[in-house]
Protein backbone atom coordinates (compact mmCIF):
# COMPACT_ATOMS: atom_id res chain seq x y z
CA MET A 1 3.75 -13.15 -1.48
CA LYS A 2 1.31 -16.17 -2.90
CA LYS A 3 -0.91 -15.86 0.23
CA LEU A 4 -1.34 -11.75 -0.61
CA LEU A 5 -1.69 -12.28 -4.44
CA LEU A 6 -4.56 -15.02 -3.52
CA LEU A 7 -5.96 -11.96 -1.19
CA ALA A 8 -5.99 -9.61 -3.84
CA PHE A 9 -7.74 -11.58 -6.14
CA LEU A 10 -10.18 -12.27 -3.91
CA ALA A 11 -11.21 -9.07 -2.58
CA VAL A 12 -11.45 -8.37 -6.86
CA GLY A 13 -14.18 -11.18 -6.97
CA MET A 14 -15.99 -9.34 -3.30
CA THR A 15 -15.46 -6.15 -5.09
CA ALA A 16 -17.15 -7.17 -7.82
CA ASN A 17 -20.10 -9.16 -6.21
CA ALA A 18 -20.69 -6.17 -3.62
CA GLU A 19 -23.99 -4.17 -3.62
CA THR A 20 -22.70 -0.99 -3.81
CA ILE A 21 -25.20 0.63 -6.51
CA VAL A 22 -27.14 4.00 -5.47
CA THR A 23 -29.57 5.88 -6.80
CA ASN A 24 -30.09 9.32 -7.08
CA ASP A 25 -33.24 11.15 -6.70
CA ASP A 26 -32.69 13.81 -9.36
CA ASP A 27 -32.11 11.38 -12.13
CA ASP A 28 -32.43 7.83 -12.70
CA GLN A 29 -28.57 7.00 -14.05
CA ILE A 30 -26.77 4.17 -11.79
CA GLU A 31 -24.00 5.55 -9.50
CA ASN A 32 -21.37 3.29 -8.58
CA LYS A 33 -19.65 4.21 -4.98
CA GLY A 34 -17.05 1.36 -5.17
CA GLY A 35 -15.51 -0.73 -2.24
CA ILE A 36 -18.11 -3.01 -0.48
CA GLU A 37 -20.42 -1.40 1.55
CA LEU A 38 -20.97 -2.38 5.35
CA GLY A 39 -23.45 -0.07 6.31
CA LYS A 40 -26.02 2.88 5.88
CA GLY A 41 -24.77 6.19 7.86
CA LYS A 42 -27.31 8.58 9.58
CA ASP A 43 -27.98 9.93 5.79
CA GLU A 44 -29.02 8.57 2.95
CA ASP A 45 -25.75 9.43 1.05
CA ASP A 46 -23.53 8.40 4.13
CA ARG A 47 -22.34 4.58 4.13
CA TRP A 48 -19.24 2.45 5.96
CA SER A 49 -17.09 0.90 3.33
CA MET A 50 -14.55 -1.20 3.19
CA HIS A 51 -11.49 -0.86 0.26
CA PHE A 52 -8.37 -3.26 -0.86
CA ALA A 53 -5.77 -1.43 -3.16
CA PHE A 54 -2.53 -3.46 -4.53
CA GLY A 55 0.36 -2.06 -6.19
CA VAL A 56 3.73 -1.81 -7.24
CA ASP A 57 6.61 -0.28 -4.82
CA ILE A 58 9.11 2.09 -6.66
CA PRO A 59 11.97 2.93 -3.84
CA VAL A 60 13.15 6.21 -4.96
CA GLY A 61 16.24 8.64 -3.34
CA ALA A 62 18.62 5.77 -2.66
CA PRO A 63 22.11 5.87 -3.07
CA ASP A 64 23.52 5.38 -6.57
CA ASP A 65 25.19 1.58 -5.44
CA VAL A 66 21.95 0.75 -3.84
CA LYS A 67 19.75 -1.01 -6.75
CA PHE A 68 15.90 -1.70 -6.35
CA ALA A 69 13.74 -4.37 -8.51
CA PRO A 70 10.35 -2.43 -8.64
CA PHE A 71 8.64 -5.03 -10.49
CA ARG A 72 9.61 -7.27 -7.26
CA SER A 73 8.71 -4.79 -5.14
CA TRP A 74 4.64 -4.72 -3.80
CA GLU A 75 2.55 -3.55 -1.67
CA PHE A 76 -1.11 -4.68 -0.61
CA ASN A 77 -3.52 -2.30 1.67
CA TRP A 78 -6.95 -3.21 3.14
CA THR A 79 -8.91 -0.47 4.27
CA VAL A 80 -10.87 -2.68 6.86
CA VAL A 81 -13.80 0.45 7.87
CA GLN A 82 -13.94 3.49 6.05
CA TYR A 83 -16.97 6.44 6.79
CA ASP A 84 -17.86 8.36 3.80
CA TYR A 85 -19.63 11.32 4.29
CA THR A 86 -21.43 13.29 1.57
CA PRO A 87 -23.10 16.61 2.56
CA GLY A 88 -26.94 16.98 1.53
CA LYS A 89 -26.36 16.72 -2.30
CA ALA A 90 -22.89 17.99 -2.57
CA ASN A 91 -20.32 16.18 -5.24
CA THR A 92 -17.64 16.34 -2.66
CA THR A 93 -17.22 13.02 0.12
CA LEU A 94 -15.10 13.42 3.01
CA SER A 95 -13.95 9.69 3.88
CA ALA A 96 -11.54 8.37 7.22
CA GLY A 97 -10.73 5.01 7.28
CA LEU A 98 -8.83 2.65 9.26
CA GLY A 99 -6.69 -0.27 8.03
CA LEU A 100 -3.52 -2.09 7.35
CA ASN A 101 -0.45 -1.63 4.85
CA TRP A 102 1.59 -4.39 3.97
CA ARG A 103 4.83 -3.35 1.89
CA SER A 104 7.98 -4.89 0.35
CA TYR A 105 11.26 -3.33 -1.00
CA THR A 106 13.24 -5.72 -2.85
CA LEU A 107 17.12 -5.36 -4.05
CA SER A 108 17.83 -6.30 -7.81
CA GLY A 109 20.19 -8.68 -8.70
CA HIS A 110 20.82 -11.89 -6.91
CA LYS A 111 24.26 -11.06 -4.93
CA ASN A 112 23.92 -8.18 -2.76
CA GLY A 113 21.73 -8.29 0.08
CA PHE A 114 20.57 -5.99 3.20
CA TYR A 115 22.43 -7.27 6.76
CA LYS A 116 22.48 -5.02 10.01
CA ALA A 117 25.88 -4.28 11.55
CA ASN A 118 26.04 -2.46 14.37
CA ASP A 119 22.57 -1.02 14.45
CA LEU A 120 23.19 0.05 10.66
CA ILE A 121 21.27 -1.30 7.88
CA CYS A 122 23.48 -1.94 4.77
CA VAL A 123 23.79 -3.34 1.38
CA GLY A 124 26.82 -5.87 0.58
CA ASP A 125 27.37 -8.99 -0.57
CA ILE A 126 26.22 -11.71 1.12
CA GLY A 127 28.80 -14.48 0.26
CA SER A 128 30.56 -15.50 -2.68
CA GLN A 129 29.18 -19.19 -2.42
CA VAL A 130 25.37 -18.05 -2.25
CA ASP A 131 23.22 -18.41 -5.36
CA ASN A 132 19.58 -17.25 -6.16
CA LEU A 133 19.59 -14.48 -3.48
CA SER A 134 16.27 -12.61 -2.74
CA SER A 135 16.74 -9.45 -0.24
CA ASN A 136 14.13 -7.66 0.82
CA ILE A 137 12.45 -5.12 3.77
CA HIS A 138 9.13 -5.50 4.77
CA THR A 139 7.35 -3.58 6.95
CA MET A 140 3.54 -3.75 8.54
CA ALA A 141 1.68 -0.51 9.56
CA LEU A 142 -1.91 0.39 10.75
CA THR A 143 -2.67 3.06 8.15
CA MET A 144 -5.81 6.02 8.58
CA PRO A 145 -6.67 7.37 5.31
CA LEU A 146 -8.32 10.84 4.73
CA LEU A 147 -9.54 11.57 1.71
CA VAL A 148 -11.67 14.19 -0.23
CA LYS A 149 -13.34 12.67 -3.24
CA GLN A 150 -14.57 15.03 -5.87
CA LYS A 151 -17.29 13.71 -8.33
CA PHE A 152 -16.93 15.07 -12.08
CA SER A 153 -19.48 12.26 -13.54
CA LYS A 154 -21.30 9.44 -12.83
CA SER A 155 -18.23 7.25 -13.67
CA PHE A 156 -14.86 10.01 -12.91
CA ALA A 157 -14.07 11.31 -9.66
CA VAL A 158 -11.03 12.43 -8.45
CA SER A 159 -9.52 11.97 -4.73
CA LEU A 160 -6.87 13.33 -2.71
CA GLY A 161 -5.80 12.92 0.71
CA ALA A 162 -3.07 11.82 3.06
CA GLN A 163 -2.76 8.52 4.59
CA LEU A 164 -1.13 8.18 8.54
CA ASN A 165 0.85 5.28 8.81
CA TRP A 166 1.98 3.64 12.61
CA ASN A 167 4.61 0.95 10.99
CA PHE A 168 4.50 -1.39 13.71
CA TYR A 169 7.05 -3.97 12.39
CA ALA A 170 9.39 -4.36 10.08
CA ARG A 171 11.93 -6.73 9.20
CA ILE A 172 14.78 -7.71 6.76
CA ASN A 173 14.05 -11.10 4.74
CA ASN A 174 17.34 -12.90 3.00
CA TYR A 175 16.57 -16.30 0.90
CA TYR A 176 19.42 -18.09 -0.45
CA GLU A 177 20.73 -21.29 -1.43
CA GLN A 178 24.26 -22.95 -0.99
CA GLY A 179 24.41 -26.31 -2.52
CA ASP A 180 21.75 -28.53 -1.96
CA TYR A 181 20.69 -25.93 1.41
CA GLU A 182 18.17 -23.20 0.84
CA THR A 183 18.59 -20.59 3.75
CA ASP A 184 15.44 -18.15 4.83
CA GLU A 185 16.77 -15.44 7.36
CA TYR A 186 14.91 -12.66 9.13
CA THR A 187 16.48 -10.21 11.45
CA LYS A 188 14.26 -7.37 13.13
CA LYS A 189 14.61 -4.03 14.94
CA ILE A 190 15.85 -2.13 11.79
CA GLY A 191 15.23 1.15 12.56
CA GLU A 192 12.19 1.76 10.85
CA ARG A 193 9.97 5.05 11.82
CA PRO A 194 7.32 4.41 13.62
CA PHE A 195 5.15 7.09 12.43
CA THR A 196 4.81 8.21 8.42
CA VAL A 197 2.41 10.44 6.71
CA ASP A 198 1.59 9.75 2.56
CA VAL A 199 0.06 11.94 -0.28
CA LEU A 200 -2.22 10.06 -1.86
CA GLY A 201 -4.24 10.87 -4.88
CA MET A 202 -6.63 8.44 -7.05
CA LEU A 203 -8.75 8.59 -10.13
CA HIS A 204 -12.08 6.74 -9.67
CA PHE A 205 -13.59 5.17 -13.19
CA GLY A 206 -17.23 4.12 -11.66
CA ASP A 207 -16.20 1.59 -8.61
CA PHE A 208 -12.30 1.21 -10.03
CA ALA A 209 -9.58 3.44 -9.63
CA VAL A 210 -5.86 3.58 -9.86
CA TYR A 211 -4.06 4.90 -7.42
CA CYS A 212 -0.69 6.69 -6.67
CA LYS A 213 1.20 7.18 -3.05
CA TYR A 214 3.99 9.31 -2.52
CA SER A 215 6.02 8.75 1.01
CA PRO A 216 8.36 11.82 1.77
CA MET A 217 9.49 10.78 4.71
CA SER A 218 12.54 7.84 4.14
CA VAL A 219 11.53 4.24 5.46
CA LEU A 220 14.03 3.81 8.10
CA LYS A 221 15.13 6.37 10.86
CA LYS A 222 18.11 9.28 9.62
CA ASP A 223 21.28 7.45 10.22
CA ARG A 224 20.14 4.45 10.37
CA GLY A 225 21.77 2.98 6.84
CA VAL A 226 20.06 3.13 3.73
CA ASP A 227 18.25 5.83 2.72
CA PHE A 228 15.35 6.14 0.64
CA LYS A 229 11.84 6.58 0.10
CA SER A 230 8.79 4.77 -0.97
CA LEU A 231 6.37 5.77 -4.25
CA ALA A 232 3.30 3.21 -5.02
CA VAL A 233 1.13 2.76 -8.01
CA GLY A 234 -1.99 0.35 -8.36
CA PHE A 235 -5.20 -0.51 -8.69
CA TYR A 236 -7.98 0.71 -5.99
CA PHE A 237 -11.73 -1.36 -4.98
């Protein structure tokens, strides 16, 4: 987690120093497009860019007896490359990208944890002698964001679209203490959905944005245990 936070802060620094300033032929005001510009497209207003997002995961729709800790559940998204296409001098930009997404869903409390039993993902007491239990599900995905951005002024725009996810890796991670011993357990093949689609919206303020992303599809496959979906809010650069 510390490494991911460091990456996020580095991303902010890189974004702040990136040269993403373009002048409009029709007026001399400065327009910030956000992200890190990787290169120009065929036309003057088209470009290749890189973006980062960091937010809080809020699991929703879980059974009443399964309690998550939203502010111990995080996500980090890195759009490695994105093509931004603006037709003519329109105020609308169409974007398609390719990137990586890391998500974590952490249970609240320090006694109940995730575990796998007969191919089902369950939540229960890990053991009476366990202290400081931290139990979560991690997922990694190859992502393809598809966005439509509408500019309303030089410093405000709205983006709406979808993010396609290929969830190629998932695991349960249980960390706990027993006396003087520390245990860090990993369980793979937990029955994650291989392909999911998220609904994504953003409010842009210059080259900075806040985003909200909802996953209407459950994290795990149907009938594989704990059923929950994901809502994430955070910052986008």
